[in-house]
Amino acid sequence: MSESLSALTEAGIAVGAVAVFVAILSVAGTMGDNGLTETGAFTVVGGIVAFILLMAGVGYWISTKE
């Protein structure tokens, strides 16, 4: 039973991280009136970098969990 709970926890963390990533991209897409502005582009790049670092951190944390 604890293995399935662990799998549910891991899946929940991954889904949460993807939801944050989608939210960042949604906000970045609405920053300009006529499409993607320079600030929106920097926000998209920042969101991608943050998502990669977040997933790396979560992966490391999950791999050290017993």
PDB file of N, CA and C in Angstrom:
ATOM      1  N   MET A   1       0.818  -1.195   0.000  1.00  0.00           N
ATOM      2  CA  MET A   1       0.000   0.000   0.000  1.00  0.00           C
ATOM      3  C   MET A   1       0.858   1.254   0.000  1.00  0.00           C
ATOM      4  N   SER A   2       1.981   1.230   0.714  1.00  0.00           N
ATOM      5  CA  SER A   2       2.811   2.430   0.784  1.00  0.00           C
ATOM      6  C   SER A   2       3.478   2.731  -0.554  1.00  0.00           C
ATOM      7  N   GLU A   3       3.727   1.673  -1.355  1.00  0.00           N
ATOM      8  CA  GLU A   3       4.312   1.915  -2.675  1.00  0.00           C
ATOM      9  C   GLU A   3       3.336   2.656  -3.578  1.00  0.00           C
ATOM     10  N   SER A   4       2.053   2.323  -3.527  1.00  0.00           N
ATOM     11  CA  SER A   4       1.079   3.023  -4.350  1.00  0.00           C
ATOM     12  C   SER A   4       0.876   4.451  -3.852  1.00  0.00           C
ATOM     13  N   LEU A   5       0.957   4.665  -2.552  1.00  0.00           N
ATOM     14  CA  LEU A   5       0.863   6.015  -2.017  1.00  0.00           C
ATOM     15  C   LEU A   5       2.057   6.843  -2.478  1.00  0.00           C
ATOM     16  N   SER A   6       3.220   6.227  -2.501  1.00  0.00           N
ATOM     17  CA  SER A   6       4.413   6.920  -2.965  1.00  0.00           C
ATOM     18  C   SER A   6       4.275   7.277  -4.442  1.00  0.00           C
ATOM     19  N   ALA A   7       3.728   6.372  -5.228  1.00  0.00           N
ATOM     20  CA  ALA A   7       3.527   6.645  -6.650  1.00  0.00           C
ATOM     21  C   ALA A   7       2.516   7.767  -6.838  1.00  0.00           C
ATOM     22  N   LEU A   8       1.467   7.786  -6.026  1.00  0.00           N
ATOM     23  CA  LEU A   8       0.478   8.859  -6.096  1.00  0.00           C
ATOM     24  C   LEU A   8       1.099  10.202  -5.705  1.00  0.00           C
ATOM     25  N   THR A   9       1.972  10.186  -4.709  1.00  0.00           N
ATOM     26  CA  THR A   9       2.653  11.413  -4.298  1.00  0.00           C
ATOM     27  C   THR A   9       3.550  11.935  -5.413  1.00  0.00           C
ATOM     28  N   GLU A  10       4.317  11.038  -6.025  1.00  0.00           N
ATOM     29  CA  GLU A  10       5.197  11.427  -7.120  1.00  0.00           C
ATOM     30  C   GLU A  10       4.393  11.972  -8.301  1.00  0.00           C
ATOM     31  N   ALA A  11       3.302  11.323  -8.624  1.00  0.00           N
ATOM     32  CA  ALA A  11       2.460  11.786  -9.730  1.00  0.00           C
ATOM     33  C   ALA A  11       1.845  13.143  -9.409  1.00  0.00           C
ATOM     34  N   GLY A  12       1.422  13.339  -8.176  1.00  0.00           N
ATOM     35  CA  GLY A  12       0.857  14.617  -7.775  1.00  0.00           C
ATOM     36  C   GLY A  12       1.863  15.747  -7.857  1.00  0.00           C
ATOM     37  N   ILE A  13       3.090  15.482  -7.453  1.00  0.00           N
ATOM     38  CA  ILE A  13       4.145  16.497  -7.536  1.00  0.00           C
ATOM     39  C   ILE A  13       4.424  16.847  -8.989  1.00  0.00           C
ATOM     40  N   ALA A  14       4.496  15.853  -9.842  1.00  0.00           N
ATOM     41  CA  ALA A  14       4.760  16.106 -11.262  1.00  0.00           C
ATOM     42  C   ALA A  14       3.627  16.890 -11.908  1.00  0.00           C
ATOM     43  N   VAL A  15       2.386  16.541 -11.594  1.00  0.00           N
ATOM     44  CA  VAL A  15       1.241  17.256 -12.153  1.00  0.00           C
ATOM     45  C   VAL A  15       1.221  18.701 -11.647  1.00  0.00           C
ATOM     46  N   GLY A  16       1.543  18.901 -10.387  1.00  0.00           N
ATOM     47  CA  GLY A  16       1.613  20.250  -9.834  1.00  0.00           C
ATOM     48  C   GLY A  16       2.681  21.094 -10.507  1.00  0.00           C
ATOM     49  N   ALA A  17       3.840  20.501 -10.766  1.00  0.00           N
ATOM     50  CA  ALA A  17       4.919  21.237 -11.439  1.00  0.00           C
ATOM     51  C   ALA A  17       4.513  21.623 -12.858  1.00  0.00           C
ATOM     52  N   VAL A  18       3.844  20.725 -13.554  1.00  0.00           N
ATOM     53  CA  VAL A  18       3.387  21.030 -14.914  1.00  0.00           C
ATOM     54  C   VAL A  18       2.316  22.117 -14.879  1.00  0.00           C
ATOM     55  N   ALA A  19       1.451  22.099 -13.876  1.00  0.00           N
ATOM     56  CA  ALA A  19       0.421  23.139 -13.753  1.00  0.00           C
ATOM     57  C   ALA A  19       1.052  24.513 -13.534  1.00  0.00           C
ATOM     58  N   VAL A  20       2.110  24.568 -12.717  1.00  0.00           N
ATOM     59  CA  VAL A  20       2.816  25.838 -12.505  1.00  0.00           C
ATOM     60  C   VAL A  20       3.450  26.306 -13.806  1.00  0.00           C
ATOM     61  N   PHE A  21       4.034  25.391 -14.556  1.00  0.00           N
ATOM     62  CA  PHE A  21       4.665  25.733 -15.833  1.00  0.00           C
ATOM     63  C   PHE A  21       3.632  26.295 -16.816  1.00  0.00           C
ATOM     64  N   VAL A  22       2.484  25.650 -16.908  1.00  0.00           N
ATOM     65  CA  VAL A  22       1.430  26.118 -17.811  1.00  0.00           C
ATOM     66  C   VAL A  22       0.920  27.487 -17.369  1.00  0.00           C
ATOM     67  N   ALA A  23       0.818  27.705 -16.069  1.00  0.00           N
ATOM     68  CA  ALA A  23       0.374  29.005 -15.559  1.00  0.00           C
ATOM     69  C   ALA A  23       1.365  30.101 -15.932  1.00  0.00           C
ATOM     70  N   ILE A  24       2.660  29.819 -15.816  1.00  0.00           N
ATOM     71  CA  ILE A  24       3.679  30.803 -16.188  1.00  0.00           C
ATOM     72  C   ILE A  24       3.580  31.128 -17.671  1.00  0.00           C
ATOM     73  N   LEU A  25       3.404  30.116 -18.499  1.00  0.00           N
ATOM     74  CA  LEU A  25       3.286  30.361 -19.933  1.00  0.00           C
ATOM     75  C   LEU A  25       2.014  31.131 -20.275  1.00  0.00           C
ATOM     76  N   SER A  26       0.937  30.860 -19.564  1.00  0.00           N
ATOM     77  CA  SER A  26      -0.309  31.579 -19.804  1.00  0.00           C
ATOM     78  C   SER A  26      -0.166  33.059 -19.452  1.00  0.00           C
ATOM     79  N   VAL A  27       0.470  33.340 -18.341  1.00  0.00           N
ATOM     80  CA  VAL A  27       0.683  34.732 -17.935  1.00  0.00           C
ATOM     81  C   VAL A  27       1.599  35.430 -18.926  1.00  0.00           C
ATOM     82  N   ALA A  28       2.637  34.749 -19.369  1.00  0.00           N
ATOM     83  CA  ALA A  28       3.576  35.350 -20.322  1.00  0.00           C
ATOM     84  C   ALA A  28       2.887  35.656 -21.649  1.00  0.00           C
ATOM     85  N   GLY A  29       1.978  34.818 -22.055  1.00  0.00           N
ATOM     86  CA  GLY A  29       1.273  35.036 -23.316  1.00  0.00           C
ATOM     87  C   GLY A  29       0.309  36.196 -23.289  1.00  0.00           C
ATOM     88  N   THR A  30      -0.121  36.603 -22.108  1.00  0.00           N
ATOM     89  CA  THR A  30      -1.074  37.701 -22.005  1.00  0.00           C
ATOM     90  C   THR A  30      -0.413  39.022 -21.641  1.00  0.00           C
ATOM     91  N   MET A  31       0.896  39.094 -21.668  1.00  0.00           N
ATOM     92  CA  MET A  31       1.590  40.316 -21.253  1.00  0.00           C
ATOM     93  C   MET A  31       1.528  41.423 -22.298  1.00  0.00           C
ATOM     94  N   GLY A  32       1.349  41.070 -23.551  1.00  0.00           N
ATOM     95  CA  GLY A  32       1.312  42.092 -24.588  1.00  0.00           C
ATOM     96  C   GLY A  32      -0.038  42.169 -25.265  1.00  0.00           C
ATOM     97  N   ASP A  33      -0.353  43.335 -25.829  1.00  0.00           N
ATOM     98  CA  ASP A  33      -1.629  43.493 -26.517  1.00  0.00           C
ATOM     99  C   ASP A  33      -1.608  42.857 -27.909  1.00  0.00           C
ATOM    100  N   ASN A  34      -0.460  42.949 -28.583  1.00  0.00           N
ATOM    101  CA  ASN A  34      -0.360  42.468 -29.970  1.00  0.00           C
ATOM    102  C   ASN A  34       0.604  41.294 -30.085  1.00  0.00           C
ATOM    103  N   GLY A  35       0.456  40.325 -29.244  1.00  0.00           N
ATOM    104  CA  GLY A  35       1.337  39.167 -29.309  1.00  0.00           C
ATOM    105  C   GLY A  35       2.352  39.174 -28.184  1.00  0.00           C
ATOM    106  N   LEU A  36       3.383  38.418 -28.370  1.00  0.00           N
ATOM    107  CA  LEU A  36       4.405  38.238 -27.345  1.00  0.00           C
ATOM    108  C   LEU A  36       5.382  39.409 -27.369  1.00  0.00           C
ATOM    109  N   THR A  37       5.499  40.097 -26.244  1.00  0.00           N
ATOM    110  CA  THR A  37       6.427  41.216 -26.133  1.00  0.00           C
ATOM    111  C   THR A  37       7.776  40.727 -25.631  1.00  0.00           C
ATOM    112  N   GLU A  38       8.729  41.633 -25.534  1.00  0.00           N
ATOM    113  CA  GLU A  38      10.055  41.269 -25.031  1.00  0.00           C
ATOM    114  C   GLU A  38       9.977  40.780 -23.588  1.00  0.00           C
ATOM    115  N   THR A  39       9.187  41.448 -22.783  1.00  0.00           N
ATOM    116  CA  THR A  39       9.018  41.019 -21.390  1.00  0.00           C
ATOM    117  C   THR A  39       8.358  39.649 -21.321  1.00  0.00           C
ATOM    118  N   GLY A  40       7.374  39.417 -22.162  1.00  0.00           N
ATOM    119  CA  GLY A  40       6.728  38.110 -22.202  1.00  0.00           C
ATOM    120  C   GLY A  40       7.682  37.014 -22.631  1.00  0.00           C
ATOM    121  N   ALA A  41       8.564  37.340 -23.583  1.00  0.00           N
ATOM    122  CA  ALA A  41       9.550  36.353 -24.035  1.00  0.00           C
ATOM    123  C   ALA A  41      10.511  35.992 -22.907  1.00  0.00           C
ATOM    124  N   PHE A  42      10.951  37.010 -22.155  1.00  0.00           N
ATOM    125  CA  PHE A  42      11.825  36.730 -21.008  1.00  0.00           C
ATOM    126  C   PHE A  42      11.098  35.905 -19.956  1.00  0.00           C
ATOM    127  N   THR A  43       9.811  36.145 -19.788  1.00  0.00           N
ATOM    128  CA  THR A  43       9.026  35.360 -18.838  1.00  0.00           C
ATOM    129  C   THR A  43       8.908  33.905 -19.286  1.00  0.00           C
ATOM    130  N   VAL A  44       8.728  33.687 -20.585  1.00  0.00           N
ATOM    131  CA  VAL A  44       8.662  32.320 -21.114  1.00  0.00           C
ATOM    132  C   VAL A  44       9.981  31.591 -20.874  1.00  0.00           C
ATOM    133  N   VAL A  45      11.090  32.257 -21.193  1.00  0.00           N
ATOM    134  CA  VAL A  45      12.409  31.639 -20.986  1.00  0.00           C
ATOM    135  C   VAL A  45      12.637  31.369 -19.501  1.00  0.00           C
ATOM    136  N   GLY A  46      12.267  32.331 -18.654  1.00  0.00           N
ATOM    137  CA  GLY A  46      12.395  32.126 -17.209  1.00  0.00           C
ATOM    138  C   GLY A  46      11.534  30.979 -16.720  1.00  0.00           C
ATOM    139  N   GLY A  47      10.331  30.860 -17.277  1.00  0.00           N
ATOM    140  CA  GLY A  47       9.449  29.753 -16.906  1.00  0.00           C
ATOM    141  C   GLY A  47      10.015  28.403 -17.305  1.00  0.00           C
ATOM    142  N   ILE A  48      10.630  28.349 -18.470  1.00  0.00           N
ATOM    143  CA  ILE A  48      11.246  27.093 -18.914  1.00  0.00           C
ATOM    144  C   ILE A  48      12.406  26.720 -18.007  1.00  0.00           C
ATOM    145  N   VAL A  49      13.252  27.696 -17.692  1.00  0.00           N
ATOM    146  CA  VAL A  49      14.392  27.442 -16.804  1.00  0.00           C
ATOM    147  C   VAL A  49      13.911  27.024 -15.420  1.00  0.00           C
ATOM    148  N   ALA A  50      12.907  27.726 -14.893  1.00  0.00           N
ATOM    149  CA  ALA A  50      12.369  27.375 -13.575  1.00  0.00           C
ATOM    150  C   ALA A  50      11.771  25.976 -13.578  1.00  0.00           C
ATOM    151  N   PHE A  51      11.087  25.607 -14.660  1.00  0.00           N
ATOM    152  CA  PHE A  51      10.493  24.274 -14.760  1.00  0.00           C
ATOM    153  C   PHE A  51      11.576  23.195 -14.774  1.00  0.00           C
ATOM    154  N   ILE A  52      12.637  23.425 -15.523  1.00  0.00           N
ATOM    155  CA  ILE A  52      13.733  22.446 -15.581  1.00  0.00           C
ATOM    156  C   ILE A  52      14.378  22.283 -14.210  1.00  0.00           C
ATOM    157  N   LEU A  53      14.654  23.402 -13.545  1.00  0.00           N
ATOM    158  CA  LEU A  53      15.275  23.324 -12.215  1.00  0.00           C
ATOM    159  C   LEU A  53      14.335  22.682 -11.198  1.00  0.00           C
ATOM    160  N   LEU A  54      13.050  23.016 -11.266  1.00  0.00           N
ATOM    161  CA  LEU A  54      12.077  22.422 -10.357  1.00  0.00           C
ATOM    162  C   LEU A  54      11.994  20.917 -10.548  1.00  0.00           C
ATOM    163  N   MET A  55      11.918  20.471 -11.789  1.00  0.00           N
ATOM    164  CA  MET A  55      11.816  19.034 -12.048  1.00  0.00           C
ATOM    165  C   MET A  55      13.096  18.301 -11.661  1.00  0.00           C
ATOM    166  N   ALA A  56      14.257  18.944 -11.854  1.00  0.00           N
ATOM    167  CA  ALA A  56      15.518  18.331 -11.420  1.00  0.00           C
ATOM    168  C   ALA A  56      15.542  18.190  -9.902  1.00  0.00           C
ATOM    169  N   GLY A  57      15.106  19.238  -9.198  1.00  0.00           N
ATOM    170  CA  GLY A  57      15.060  19.178  -7.738  1.00  0.00           C
ATOM    171  C   GLY A  57      14.089  18.133  -7.228  1.00  0.00           C
ATOM    172  N   VAL A  58      12.919  18.078  -7.828  1.00  0.00           N
ATOM    173  CA  VAL A  58      11.920  17.081  -7.431  1.00  0.00           C
ATOM    174  C   VAL A  58      12.429  15.671  -7.730  1.00  0.00           C
ATOM    175  N   GLY A  59      13.054  15.490  -8.878  1.00  0.00           N
ATOM    176  CA  GLY A  59      13.615  14.178  -9.216  1.00  0.00           C
ATOM    177  C   GLY A  59      14.680  13.738  -8.233  1.00  0.00           C
ATOM    178  N   TYR A  60      15.541  14.676  -7.853  1.00  0.00           N
ATOM    179  CA  TYR A  60      16.583  14.346  -6.877  1.00  0.00           C
ATOM    180  C   TYR A  60      15.954  13.997  -5.526  1.00  0.00           C
ATOM    181  N   TRP A  61      14.959  14.794  -5.111  1.00  0.00           N
ATOM    182  CA  TRP A  61      14.309  14.541  -3.837  1.00  0.00           C
ATOM    183  C   TRP A  61      13.622  13.179  -3.827  1.00  0.00           C
ATOM    184  N   ILE A  62      12.944  12.857  -4.915  1.00  0.00           N
ATOM    185  CA  ILE A  62      12.244  11.562  -5.004  1.00  0.00           C
ATOM    186  C   ILE A  62      13.250  10.409  -5.029  1.00  0.00           C
ATOM    187  N   SER A  63      14.382  10.597  -5.701  1.00  0.00           N
ATOM    188  CA  SER A  63      15.362   9.510  -5.775  1.00  0.00           C
ATOM    189  C   SER A  63      16.018   9.224  -4.433  1.00  0.00           C
ATOM    190  N   THR A  64      16.103  10.219  -3.543  1.00  0.00           N
ATOM    191  CA  THR A  64      16.715   9.989  -2.230  1.00  0.00           C
ATOM    192  C   THR A  64      15.705   9.520  -1.197  1.00  0.00           C
ATOM    193  N   LYS A  65      14.417   9.586  -1.532  1.00  0.00           N
ATOM    194  CA  LYS A  65      13.366   9.155  -0.607  1.00  0.00           C
ATOM    195  C   LYS A  65      13.298   7.639  -0.584  1.00  0.00           C
ATOM    196  N   GLU A  66      13.081   7.080   0.580  1.00  0.00           N
ATOM    197  CA  GLU A  66      13.001   5.611   0.665  1.00  0.00           C
ATOM    198  C   GLU A  66      11.599   5.133   0.828  1.00  0.00           C
TER     199      GLU A  66
END
